[in-house]
Amino acid sequence: MSNTCDKTEYHLKCKDCNRLFKSDKELQTHVKLIHDVQCELCDKSFRSVEEMESHHRIEHLAMKCPYCDKLYKSDEQMRQHIRYKHHFPCELCNKSFSSYEKLNNHDIYVHLTIECPSCNNLFFRSDEDLLNHIKLDHLNLRCLGCGKWFHSEELRNVHLRQKHRKSMAFSK
């Protein structure tokens, strides 16, 4: 009977904790169970938190199209999708826009016009523009003799003295 020992060599060392292993398979199992970081969403394993976070950003953080809820991995991919799949055409001039907001702004600044009820020939893009026009052009002083409007009482009085001296038709 020989005096032999069953010596098993532990020749593989874990880089993270210096533990020794007999086989490559044992080392890999150890690393996977003890040192790897797993993605909680797909169970893929990574050697570092940084690798896992990078994977998470690329694979799991998706951009959602606001018009059809389709998911995209990047904002740029989503914008391209919107540009090519979602057109918001203007029904008045057939110009196309990439968002409802842009179409709405186009409508307001290009097509929305308001006719002045006093002079019937001036058009305005907003209620504010129309009100400014009315304040400047129509809510001032008018000559009852000829219907002419004046921005100041002084101008109207000069007009009355020059054009309507006899009647002196003043109105406010």
N, C-alpha and C. Protein backbone atom coordinates (compact mmCIF):
# COMPACT_ATOMS: atom_id res chain seq x y z
N MET A 1 0.83 -1.16 0.00
CA MET A 1 0.00 0.00 0.00
C MET A 1 0.88 1.23 0.00
N SER A 2 0.56 2.03 -0.92
CA SER A 2 1.39 3.23 -1.00
C SER A 2 0.76 4.36 -0.21
N ASN A 3 1.60 5.15 0.21
CA ASN A 3 1.20 6.27 1.01
C ASN A 3 0.97 7.49 0.12
N THR A 4 -0.06 7.43 -0.66
CA THR A 4 -0.31 8.54 -1.58
C THR A 4 -1.44 9.41 -1.07
N CYS A 5 -1.26 10.61 -1.25
CA CYS A 5 -2.28 11.59 -0.87
C CYS A 5 -2.99 12.05 -2.12
N ASP A 6 -4.23 12.23 -1.96
CA ASP A 6 -4.99 12.78 -3.08
C ASP A 6 -4.89 14.30 -2.98
N LYS A 7 -3.91 14.80 -3.65
CA LYS A 7 -3.71 16.25 -3.61
C LYS A 7 -4.46 16.90 -4.76
N THR A 8 -5.30 17.80 -4.42
CA THR A 8 -6.02 18.56 -5.43
C THR A 8 -5.42 19.94 -5.46
N GLU A 9 -5.06 20.31 -6.64
CA GLU A 9 -4.43 21.62 -6.76
C GLU A 9 -5.47 22.71 -6.95
N TYR A 10 -5.31 23.71 -6.16
CA TYR A 10 -6.14 24.91 -6.28
C TYR A 10 -5.29 25.94 -7.01
N HIS A 11 -5.42 25.95 -8.29
CA HIS A 11 -4.53 26.82 -9.07
C HIS A 11 -5.23 28.01 -9.71
N LEU A 12 -6.52 28.11 -9.55
CA LEU A 12 -7.24 29.25 -10.14
C LEU A 12 -7.68 30.21 -9.04
N LYS A 13 -7.34 31.48 -9.21
CA LYS A 13 -7.60 32.47 -8.18
C LYS A 13 -8.64 33.48 -8.65
N CYS A 14 -9.57 33.79 -7.79
CA CYS A 14 -10.57 34.83 -8.08
C CYS A 14 -9.89 36.20 -7.98
N LYS A 15 -10.06 37.01 -9.01
CA LYS A 15 -9.43 38.34 -9.04
C LYS A 15 -10.03 39.29 -8.01
N ASP A 16 -11.28 39.03 -7.66
CA ASP A 16 -11.97 39.95 -6.75
C ASP A 16 -11.67 39.68 -5.27
N CYS A 17 -11.54 38.40 -4.90
CA CYS A 17 -11.37 38.09 -3.47
C CYS A 17 -10.18 37.18 -3.16
N ASN A 18 -9.44 36.78 -4.19
CA ASN A 18 -8.25 35.92 -4.06
C ASN A 18 -8.54 34.49 -3.60
N ARG A 19 -9.75 34.09 -3.61
CA ARG A 19 -10.09 32.71 -3.25
C ARG A 19 -9.61 31.77 -4.36
N LEU A 20 -9.18 30.56 -3.98
CA LEU A 20 -8.63 29.60 -4.94
C LEU A 20 -9.66 28.54 -5.31
N PHE A 21 -9.57 28.12 -6.59
CA PHE A 21 -10.52 27.11 -7.11
C PHE A 21 -9.78 26.06 -7.92
N LYS A 22 -10.38 24.87 -7.95
CA LYS A 22 -9.80 23.73 -8.66
C LYS A 22 -10.02 23.82 -10.16
N SER A 23 -11.18 24.29 -10.54
CA SER A 23 -11.50 24.29 -11.98
C SER A 23 -12.05 25.64 -12.42
N ASP A 24 -11.97 25.80 -13.70
CA ASP A 24 -12.49 27.02 -14.30
C ASP A 24 -14.00 27.14 -14.05
N LYS A 25 -14.68 26.02 -14.12
CA LYS A 25 -16.13 26.01 -13.91
C LYS A 25 -16.48 26.48 -12.49
N GLU A 26 -15.72 26.01 -11.50
CA GLU A 26 -15.96 26.44 -10.12
C GLU A 26 -15.72 27.94 -9.96
N LEU A 27 -14.65 28.41 -10.57
CA LEU A 27 -14.33 29.83 -10.49
C LEU A 27 -15.44 30.67 -11.13
N GLN A 28 -15.89 30.27 -12.30
CA GLN A 28 -16.97 31.00 -12.99
C GLN A 28 -18.25 31.02 -12.17
N THR A 29 -18.59 29.90 -11.59
CA THR A 29 -19.79 29.81 -10.75
C THR A 29 -19.66 30.76 -9.55
N HIS A 30 -18.50 30.74 -8.93
CA HIS A 30 -18.23 31.63 -7.80
C HIS A 30 -18.39 33.10 -8.20
N VAL A 31 -17.74 33.47 -9.28
CA VAL A 31 -17.80 34.87 -9.74
C VAL A 31 -19.23 35.28 -10.03
N LYS A 32 -19.95 34.42 -10.72
CA LYS A 32 -21.34 34.72 -11.09
C LYS A 32 -22.22 34.90 -9.84
N LEU A 33 -22.04 34.01 -8.87
CA LEU A 33 -22.88 34.06 -7.67
C LEU A 33 -22.47 35.14 -6.68
N ILE A 34 -21.18 35.36 -6.56
CA ILE A 34 -20.68 36.25 -5.51
C ILE A 34 -20.36 37.66 -6.00
N HIS A 35 -19.77 37.76 -7.18
CA HIS A 35 -19.25 39.06 -7.59
C HIS A 35 -20.01 39.75 -8.72
N ASP A 36 -20.72 39.01 -9.54
CA ASP A 36 -21.42 39.64 -10.66
C ASP A 36 -22.61 40.46 -10.18
N VAL A 37 -22.93 41.46 -10.99
CA VAL A 37 -24.10 42.30 -10.74
C VAL A 37 -25.14 41.92 -11.77
N GLN A 38 -26.35 41.65 -11.30
CA GLN A 38 -27.40 41.23 -12.23
C GLN A 38 -28.37 42.36 -12.51
N CYS A 39 -28.81 42.40 -13.74
CA CYS A 39 -29.85 43.35 -14.14
C CYS A 39 -31.17 42.82 -13.57
N GLU A 40 -31.88 43.66 -12.87
CA GLU A 40 -33.14 43.25 -12.26
C GLU A 40 -34.25 43.04 -13.28
N LEU A 41 -34.08 43.61 -14.47
CA LEU A 41 -35.14 43.52 -15.47
C LEU A 41 -35.02 42.32 -16.39
N CYS A 42 -33.78 41.88 -16.67
CA CYS A 42 -33.63 40.76 -17.61
C CYS A 42 -32.71 39.66 -17.08
N ASP A 43 -32.18 39.80 -15.89
CA ASP A 43 -31.31 38.81 -15.24
C ASP A 43 -29.97 38.58 -15.93
N LYS A 44 -29.56 39.47 -16.81
CA LYS A 44 -28.21 39.36 -17.38
C LYS A 44 -27.21 39.74 -16.30
N SER A 45 -26.03 39.11 -16.35
CA SER A 45 -24.99 39.38 -15.35
C SER A 45 -23.90 40.27 -15.93
N PHE A 46 -23.33 41.10 -15.05
CA PHE A 46 -22.27 42.02 -15.46
C PHE A 46 -21.18 42.03 -14.41
N ARG A 47 -19.97 42.33 -14.84
CA ARG A 47 -18.81 42.31 -13.95
C ARG A 47 -18.76 43.53 -13.04
N SER A 48 -19.50 44.57 -13.37
CA SER A 48 -19.46 45.76 -12.52
C SER A 48 -20.81 46.47 -12.56
N VAL A 49 -21.01 47.30 -11.58
CA VAL A 49 -22.24 48.11 -11.52
C VAL A 49 -22.29 49.04 -12.73
N GLU A 50 -21.14 49.57 -13.12
CA GLU A 50 -21.08 50.47 -14.27
C GLU A 50 -21.55 49.78 -15.55
N GLU A 51 -21.07 48.54 -15.76
CA GLU A 51 -21.49 47.78 -16.94
C GLU A 51 -22.99 47.53 -16.91
N MET A 52 -23.50 47.18 -15.73
CA MET A 52 -24.93 46.91 -15.61
C MET A 52 -25.74 48.18 -15.86
N GLU A 53 -25.29 49.31 -15.35
CA GLU A 53 -26.01 50.58 -15.55
C GLU A 53 -26.00 50.99 -17.02
N SER A 54 -24.88 50.77 -17.68
CA SER A 54 -24.80 51.05 -19.11
C SER A 54 -25.79 50.19 -19.88
N HIS A 55 -25.80 48.90 -19.57
CA HIS A 55 -26.75 47.97 -20.18
C HIS A 55 -28.18 48.46 -19.93
N HIS A 56 -28.47 48.86 -18.72
CA HIS A 56 -29.82 49.30 -18.35
C HIS A 56 -30.24 50.52 -19.18
N ARG A 57 -29.33 51.48 -19.32
CA ARG A 57 -29.64 52.68 -20.12
C ARG A 57 -29.92 52.32 -21.57
N ILE A 58 -29.11 51.43 -22.12
CA ILE A 58 -29.24 51.07 -23.54
C ILE A 58 -30.45 50.18 -23.79
N GLU A 59 -30.64 49.19 -22.94
CA GLU A 59 -31.66 48.17 -23.21
C GLU A 59 -33.03 48.45 -22.59
N HIS A 60 -33.07 49.18 -21.49
CA HIS A 60 -34.33 49.24 -20.77
C HIS A 60 -34.95 50.63 -20.62
N LEU A 61 -34.18 51.66 -20.78
CA LEU A 61 -34.77 53.00 -20.66
C LEU A 61 -35.23 53.45 -22.04
N ALA A 62 -36.48 53.32 -22.27
CA ALA A 62 -37.03 53.61 -23.59
C ALA A 62 -37.76 54.95 -23.58
N MET A 63 -37.77 55.58 -24.75
CA MET A 63 -38.51 56.82 -24.96
C MET A 63 -39.85 56.43 -25.57
N LYS A 64 -40.93 56.99 -25.05
CA LYS A 64 -42.26 56.62 -25.53
C LYS A 64 -42.80 57.72 -26.44
N CYS A 65 -43.28 57.32 -27.61
CA CYS A 65 -43.88 58.26 -28.55
C CYS A 65 -45.16 58.81 -27.90
N PRO A 66 -45.32 60.12 -27.86
CA PRO A 66 -46.51 60.69 -27.22
C PRO A 66 -47.78 60.51 -28.04
N TYR A 67 -47.65 60.06 -29.28
CA TYR A 67 -48.82 59.94 -30.15
C TYR A 67 -49.31 58.51 -30.32
N CYS A 68 -48.41 57.52 -30.19
CA CYS A 68 -48.84 56.13 -30.38
C CYS A 68 -48.30 55.19 -29.31
N ASP A 69 -47.56 55.69 -28.35
CA ASP A 69 -46.99 54.90 -27.25
C ASP A 69 -45.96 53.86 -27.67
N LYS A 70 -45.44 53.96 -28.88
CA LYS A 70 -44.37 53.07 -29.32
C LYS A 70 -43.09 53.45 -28.56
N LEU A 71 -42.26 52.43 -28.23
CA LEU A 71 -41.06 52.68 -27.44
C LEU A 71 -39.81 52.72 -28.30
N TYR A 72 -38.90 53.63 -27.95
CA TYR A 72 -37.62 53.78 -28.65
C TYR A 72 -36.50 53.88 -27.64
N LYS A 73 -35.33 53.38 -28.04
CA LYS A 73 -34.18 53.36 -27.13
C LYS A 73 -33.53 54.72 -26.97
N SER A 74 -33.76 55.61 -27.91
CA SER A 74 -33.16 56.94 -27.79
C SER A 74 -34.16 58.01 -28.20
N ASP A 75 -33.89 59.18 -27.72
CA ASP A 75 -34.72 60.33 -28.06
C ASP A 75 -34.67 60.60 -29.56
N GLU A 76 -33.49 60.42 -30.15
CA GLU A 76 -33.33 60.65 -31.59
C GLU A 76 -34.17 59.67 -32.41
N GLN A 77 -34.18 58.40 -32.02
CA GLN A 77 -35.00 57.41 -32.72
C GLN A 77 -36.48 57.78 -32.63
N MET A 78 -36.89 58.23 -31.47
CA MET A 78 -38.29 58.62 -31.29
C MET A 78 -38.63 59.83 -32.17
N ARG A 79 -37.74 60.82 -32.20
CA ARG A 79 -37.99 62.01 -33.03
C ARG A 79 -38.08 61.65 -34.51
N GLN A 80 -37.22 60.73 -34.96
CA GLN A 80 -37.30 60.28 -36.36
C GLN A 80 -38.63 59.60 -36.63
N HIS A 81 -39.05 58.76 -35.71
CA HIS A 81 -40.34 58.09 -35.84
C HIS A 81 -41.46 59.12 -35.99
N ILE A 82 -41.48 60.11 -35.12
CA ILE A 82 -42.53 61.14 -35.17
C ILE A 82 -42.47 61.89 -36.49
N ARG A 83 -41.25 62.22 -36.92
CA ARG A 83 -41.07 62.97 -38.16
C ARG A 83 -41.65 62.22 -39.36
N TYR A 84 -41.46 60.89 -39.38
CA TYR A 84 -41.88 60.12 -40.55
C TYR A 84 -43.24 59.45 -40.41
N LYS A 85 -43.68 59.20 -39.19
CA LYS A 85 -44.94 58.47 -39.00
C LYS A 85 -46.11 59.34 -38.57
N HIS A 86 -45.82 60.42 -37.90
CA HIS A 86 -46.90 61.27 -37.39
C HIS A 86 -46.80 62.65 -38.04
N HIS A 87 -47.64 62.86 -38.97
CA HIS A 87 -47.66 64.17 -39.63
C HIS A 87 -48.92 64.88 -39.19
N PHE A 88 -48.79 66.14 -38.90
CA PHE A 88 -49.92 66.95 -38.49
C PHE A 88 -50.10 68.01 -39.57
N PRO A 89 -50.91 67.70 -40.59
CA PRO A 89 -51.05 68.63 -41.71
C PRO A 89 -52.00 69.78 -41.38
N CYS A 90 -51.68 70.94 -41.91
CA CYS A 90 -52.57 72.09 -41.81
C CYS A 90 -53.64 71.92 -42.88
N GLU A 91 -54.89 71.99 -42.49
CA GLU A 91 -55.98 71.79 -43.44
C GLU A 91 -56.18 72.99 -44.36
N LEU A 92 -55.59 74.12 -44.01
CA LEU A 92 -55.76 75.33 -44.82
C LEU A 92 -54.68 75.48 -45.90
N CYS A 93 -53.45 75.04 -45.61
CA CYS A 93 -52.38 75.22 -46.60
C CYS A 93 -51.60 73.94 -46.88
N ASN A 94 -51.96 72.82 -46.28
CA ASN A 94 -51.32 71.51 -46.47
C ASN A 94 -49.87 71.43 -46.01
N LYS A 95 -49.40 72.41 -45.27
CA LYS A 95 -48.07 72.32 -44.68
C LYS A 95 -48.15 71.30 -43.54
N SER A 96 -47.08 70.50 -43.35
CA SER A 96 -47.11 69.43 -42.36
C SER A 96 -46.18 69.75 -41.20
N PHE A 97 -46.59 69.35 -39.98
CA PHE A 97 -45.82 69.64 -38.78
C PHE A 97 -45.57 68.37 -37.98
N SER A 98 -44.49 68.38 -37.21
CA SER A 98 -44.09 67.18 -36.47
C SER A 98 -44.79 67.06 -35.12
N SER A 99 -45.53 68.07 -34.73
CA SER A 99 -46.28 67.97 -33.47
C SER A 99 -47.55 68.79 -33.56
N TYR A 100 -48.49 68.42 -32.72
CA TYR A 100 -49.75 69.16 -32.67
C TYR A 100 -49.50 70.60 -32.22
N GLU A 101 -48.57 70.78 -31.27
CA GLU A 101 -48.25 72.11 -30.77
C GLU A 101 -47.74 73.00 -31.89
N LYS A 102 -46.87 72.45 -32.75
CA LYS A 102 -46.34 73.25 -33.85
C LYS A 102 -47.43 73.60 -34.86
N LEU A 103 -48.32 72.65 -35.12
CA LEU A 103 -49.46 72.93 -36.00
C LEU A 103 -50.34 74.02 -35.41
N ASN A 104 -50.60 73.93 -34.13
CA ASN A 104 -51.44 74.92 -33.46
C ASN A 104 -50.81 76.31 -33.52
N ASN A 105 -49.50 76.39 -33.27
CA ASN A 105 -48.80 77.68 -33.37
C ASN A 105 -48.88 78.23 -34.79
N HIS A 106 -48.71 77.36 -35.77
CA HIS A 106 -48.82 77.75 -37.17
C HIS A 106 -50.21 78.35 -37.44
N ASP A 107 -51.24 77.66 -36.99
CA ASP A 107 -52.62 78.14 -37.17
C ASP A 107 -52.80 79.53 -36.58
N ILE A 108 -52.31 79.70 -35.36
CA ILE A 108 -52.49 80.98 -34.67
C ILE A 108 -51.77 82.11 -35.40
N TYR A 109 -50.51 81.86 -35.79
CA TYR A 109 -49.71 82.95 -36.35
C TYR A 109 -49.85 83.14 -37.85
N VAL A 110 -50.37 82.14 -38.55
CA VAL A 110 -50.48 82.26 -40.01
C VAL A 110 -51.93 82.40 -40.45
N HIS A 111 -52.82 81.61 -39.89
CA HIS A 111 -54.19 81.56 -40.42
C HIS A 111 -55.25 82.23 -39.55
N LEU A 112 -55.02 82.37 -38.28
CA LEU A 112 -56.04 82.93 -37.42
C LEU A 112 -56.06 84.44 -37.57
N THR A 113 -57.06 84.93 -38.24
CA THR A 113 -57.20 86.37 -38.42
C THR A 113 -58.57 86.79 -37.91
N ILE A 114 -58.60 87.96 -37.35
CA ILE A 114 -59.84 88.49 -36.79
C ILE A 114 -60.16 89.79 -37.53
N GLU A 115 -61.35 89.87 -38.03
CA GLU A 115 -61.77 91.06 -38.76
C GLU A 115 -62.22 92.13 -37.78
N CYS A 116 -61.80 93.35 -38.03
CA CYS A 116 -62.22 94.46 -37.19
C CYS A 116 -63.69 94.76 -37.47
N PRO A 117 -64.54 94.76 -36.45
CA PRO A 117 -65.97 95.02 -36.68
C PRO A 117 -66.26 96.47 -37.06
N SER A 118 -65.33 97.37 -36.80
CA SER A 118 -65.57 98.79 -37.11
C SER A 118 -65.20 99.17 -38.53
N CYS A 119 -64.06 98.67 -39.01
CA CYS A 119 -63.62 99.10 -40.34
C CYS A 119 -63.72 97.99 -41.39
N ASN A 120 -63.99 96.75 -40.97
CA ASN A 120 -64.24 95.61 -41.85
C ASN A 120 -63.16 95.27 -42.86
N ASN A 121 -62.01 95.88 -42.80
CA ASN A 121 -60.99 95.52 -43.78
C ASN A 121 -59.62 95.26 -43.17
N LEU A 122 -59.50 95.35 -41.87
CA LEU A 122 -58.23 95.07 -41.22
C LEU A 122 -58.31 93.72 -40.53
N PHE A 123 -57.23 92.96 -40.63
CA PHE A 123 -57.21 91.63 -40.03
C PHE A 123 -56.10 91.55 -39.00
N PHE A 124 -56.35 90.83 -37.92
CA PHE A 124 -55.41 90.75 -36.82
C PHE A 124 -55.20 89.30 -36.41
N ARG A 125 -54.01 89.00 -35.91
CA ARG A 125 -53.67 87.62 -35.54
C ARG A 125 -54.12 87.26 -34.13
N SER A 126 -54.37 88.23 -33.31
CA SER A 126 -54.79 87.91 -31.94
C SER A 126 -55.79 88.93 -31.45
N ASP A 127 -56.52 88.56 -30.42
CA ASP A 127 -57.48 89.49 -29.81
C ASP A 127 -56.76 90.73 -29.29
N GLU A 128 -55.55 90.53 -28.78
CA GLU A 128 -54.77 91.65 -28.25
C GLU A 128 -54.44 92.65 -29.36
N ASP A 129 -54.05 92.15 -30.54
CA ASP A 129 -53.78 93.04 -31.67
C ASP A 129 -55.03 93.82 -32.06
N LEU A 130 -56.17 93.14 -32.10
CA LEU A 130 -57.43 93.79 -32.45
C LEU A 130 -57.78 94.86 -31.43
N LEU A 131 -57.64 94.55 -30.14
CA LEU A 131 -57.95 95.54 -29.10
C LEU A 131 -57.05 96.76 -29.20
N ASN A 132 -55.77 96.53 -29.47
CA ASN A 132 -54.85 97.67 -29.65
C ASN A 132 -55.28 98.53 -30.84
N HIS A 133 -55.67 97.89 -31.92
CA HIS A 133 -56.16 98.60 -33.10
C HIS A 133 -57.40 99.43 -32.75
N ILE A 134 -58.34 98.82 -32.06
CA ILE A 134 -59.58 99.53 -31.70
C ILE A 134 -59.28 100.71 -30.79
N LYS A 135 -58.39 100.52 -29.81
CA LYS A 135 -58.03 101.62 -28.91
C LYS A 135 -57.41 102.78 -29.68
N LEU A 136 -56.52 102.44 -30.62
CA LEU A 136 -55.84 103.50 -31.37
C LEU A 136 -56.70 104.13 -32.45
N ASP A 137 -57.50 103.32 -33.12
CA ASP A 137 -58.20 103.82 -34.31
C ASP A 137 -59.69 104.07 -34.13
N HIS A 138 -60.33 103.47 -33.15
CA HIS A 138 -61.78 103.57 -33.09
C HIS A 138 -62.35 104.07 -31.78
N LEU A 139 -61.61 104.08 -30.72
CA LEU A 139 -62.14 104.54 -29.45
C LEU A 139 -61.69 105.96 -29.13
N ASN A 140 -61.45 106.70 -30.14
CA ASN A 140 -61.04 108.08 -29.94
C ASN A 140 -62.21 109.00 -30.28
N LEU A 141 -61.93 110.15 -30.72
CA LEU A 141 -62.97 111.15 -30.94
C LEU A 141 -63.37 111.22 -32.41
N ARG A 142 -64.67 111.37 -32.62
CA ARG A 142 -65.21 111.38 -33.98
C ARG A 142 -65.91 112.71 -34.25
N CYS A 143 -65.74 113.15 -35.45
CA CYS A 143 -66.44 114.35 -35.89
C CYS A 143 -67.83 113.94 -36.38
N LEU A 144 -68.89 114.53 -35.77
CA LEU A 144 -70.25 114.19 -36.18
C LEU A 144 -70.61 114.82 -37.52
N GLY A 145 -69.86 115.83 -37.89
CA GLY A 145 -70.14 116.49 -39.17
C GLY A 145 -69.79 115.63 -40.37
N CYS A 146 -68.66 114.94 -40.31
CA CYS A 146 -68.24 114.15 -41.47
C CYS A 146 -67.92 112.70 -41.13
N GLY A 147 -67.91 112.34 -39.84
CA GLY A 147 -67.64 110.97 -39.44
C GLY A 147 -66.17 110.63 -39.28
N LYS A 148 -65.31 111.59 -39.48
CA LYS A 148 -63.87 111.34 -39.37
C LYS A 148 -63.48 111.14 -37.91
N TRP A 149 -62.55 110.19 -37.68
CA TRP A 149 -62.09 109.88 -36.33
C TRP A 149 -60.78 110.60 -36.04
N PHE A 150 -60.57 110.94 -34.75
CA PHE A 150 -59.35 111.64 -34.34
C PHE A 150 -58.78 110.98 -33.08
N HIS A 151 -57.48 110.98 -33.00
CA HIS A 151 -56.79 110.37 -31.86
C HIS A 151 -56.77 111.26 -30.63
N SER A 152 -57.01 112.53 -30.83
CA SER A 152 -57.02 113.43 -29.68
C SER A 152 -58.10 114.49 -29.87
N GLU A 153 -58.55 115.00 -28.74
CA GLU A 153 -59.57 116.05 -28.79
C GLU A 153 -59.02 117.29 -29.48
N GLU A 154 -57.77 117.55 -29.25
CA GLU A 154 -57.12 118.72 -29.87
C GLU A 154 -57.16 118.63 -31.40
N LEU A 155 -56.82 117.46 -31.95
CA LEU A 155 -56.86 117.30 -33.41
C LEU A 155 -58.29 117.41 -33.94
N ARG A 156 -59.23 116.85 -33.19
CA ARG A 156 -60.62 116.93 -33.63
C ARG A 156 -61.10 118.39 -33.61
N ASN A 157 -60.73 119.14 -32.58
CA ASN A 157 -61.16 120.54 -32.48
C ASN A 157 -60.55 121.39 -33.59
N VAL A 158 -59.30 121.11 -33.94
CA VAL A 158 -58.67 121.82 -35.07
C VAL A 158 -59.46 121.52 -36.33
N HIS A 159 -59.79 120.26 -36.55
CA HIS A 159 -60.58 119.84 -37.71
C HIS A 159 -61.93 120.56 -37.73
N LEU A 160 -62.61 120.59 -36.58
CA LEU A 160 -63.93 121.24 -36.51
C LEU A 160 -63.84 122.72 -36.85
N ARG A 161 -62.82 123.39 -36.33
CA ARG A 161 -62.67 124.82 -36.62
C ARG A 161 -62.39 125.07 -38.09
N GLN A 162 -61.58 124.18 -38.70
CA GLN A 162 -61.21 124.39 -40.11
C GLN A 162 -62.30 123.94 -41.07
N LYS A 163 -62.95 122.83 -40.81
CA LYS A 163 -63.88 122.24 -41.78
C LYS A 163 -65.35 122.51 -41.46
N HIS A 164 -65.67 122.68 -40.21
CA HIS A 164 -67.08 122.78 -39.82
C HIS A 164 -67.30 124.00 -38.92
N ARG A 165 -66.69 125.09 -39.24
CA ARG A 165 -66.72 126.28 -38.41
C ARG A 165 -68.15 126.71 -38.08
N LYS A 166 -69.03 126.58 -39.04
CA LYS A 166 -70.40 127.07 -38.84
C LYS A 166 -71.19 126.16 -37.90
N SER A 167 -71.09 124.85 -38.08
CA SER A 167 -71.94 123.96 -37.29
C SER A 167 -71.35 123.61 -35.93
N MET A 168 -70.01 123.53 -35.84
CA MET A 168 -69.31 123.18 -34.60
C MET A 168 -69.93 121.95 -33.94
N ALA A 169 -70.06 120.90 -34.70
CA ALA A 169 -70.66 119.65 -34.20
C ALA A 169 -69.62 118.85 -33.42
N PHE A 170 -69.68 118.96 -32.12
CA PHE A 170 -68.74 118.22 -31.26
C PHE A 170 -69.42 116.97 -30.73
N SER A 171 -68.67 115.94 -30.64
CA SER A 171 -69.18 114.73 -29.98
C SER A 171 -68.03 114.03 -29.30
N LYS A 172 -68.38 113.26 -28.35
CA LYS A 172 -67.34 112.49 -27.65
C LYS A 172 -67.63 111.03 -27.80
